[in-house]
Amino acid sequence: MAGTLPCLIKKHFRPLPDPRVVGRSRHRLIDIIVLAIGGVIGNCDDWPDIVQFAKSRLAWFKRFLELPEGVPSHDTFERVFAALDPRVFERCCLSWLRAAADLVGVGHIAIDGKTLRGSASGALQPLHPVSAWATHANLTLGQVAVGPQGNEITAIPKLLELLDLAGALVTIDAIGCQKAIAKQIVAAGGDYVLVVKGNHEQLLEDIQETVSKALDGALPVGAVRQYTTTDEGHGRREERSCVMIEFTRGIRDRKEWRGLATVGMVRHTRTVAGETTTEARYFIGSRRMGARRYLAALRDHWKVENNQRWQLDISFREDESRVENRHGAANLALMRKMALSLLKRHPREDSIARKRKYAAMNTAFLAETLAGAEGLEEI
């Protein structure tokens, strides 16, 4: 069995209240939800696409959905997803994904934000959801949209509240390098790795000074660890090195950073066609572990930052979406992340774009990606 989810879809969406008037609905809510998620996996990027896909696979969907009035219109999909509370819909979706994450464990959680450029409406700015991604399980664990007067600094704590952080390593880029966020993560039983940039000028200066002393041999030998990797191919050479230092006396406000145990630097040197560029990034961390593991965690974080955004933009054409209703746009964005998670977890070796096309053509593959053929039969 190639299915990746241990429970039936219906079980996870049972708590989702139907926002429509009782007795005046022609289509079951669970039918609309499954058609939409199946459509997004099956290469559909908007409501009319989903309707066309569902009609082309109507006989297959009727094997496990009632569909008493056939496939709903695209206006029905638009109205229903505009009326669904994104927070409640998210809890149901994430219950489904977390059931899969429990099988492999969460381990590393990368926090990252992305603007939905096509969701701007009138005076309203585009939605900017902040997401949590389990890097090892390839699963979305949650998302919170930045409020009209807020930013990622205000959204990240709300997102962390949704997550089980016990034993997890949480990585966040510089905007999330905040003392309150570090405290929240440690208090919830997790550890943090926070990238430090110019928004914390004094902290950055202290880390740079500590790293310089470490490289000059001016710190205790046992407190300094280093690790380097080198990749070569196609005329390109990349070297990544990490200096991790378990010596924080040079950090002037170290006591204000809950659980602070290490500081360090990752240097990325890239040579292409004889031209070499070097970039250095600095970080603080609460977990005592080797430089190799710090380098791996930060590299995985930046891969998610680049690859997830790239996949959503290129494979799902997210930036081309013109769903302007705020709830509808947020719910559709969540379904894209769900689809990306499920497609990444499927063992078929292919690109996400090709997997989406294959799901549109092959209902057996779509069933495996959704929940497993046996599970779907019982919805």
Foldseek 3Di string as FASTA:
>chain_A
DLAQFDAFLCVLCVVFDQLDDPPPDPADPVLLVVLLLLQLLQQDQALQSSQVLCVVCVVVSVLQGVCVPGGDHSVVSLVRLLRGDLVSLQSSLLVRQVSSCVVVPQAEKEKAKDFLCQQDDDPAHTWIKIWIARLVLLATNDIDTADRPGDVCVGVVVGVVSDQAAAHEYEYEAVNPDQVNLVSNVVSNHKYKYWHDCVCVLQVVLLVVVAVCVVVVNDPPVQWAKDKDWDDDPQKIKMKMKIKGQDCPSRPPVVSRPQWGIKIKIKIWMAHPRDIDIDMIIIIINDDDHRVVVSVSVVSNVCCNPVVVCCCCPLNVSNPDNSHSPSSNSNSVSSNSSSSSLQVNRPDPDDSNVSSNVSSVDVQSSCSSPGHPVSSSHD
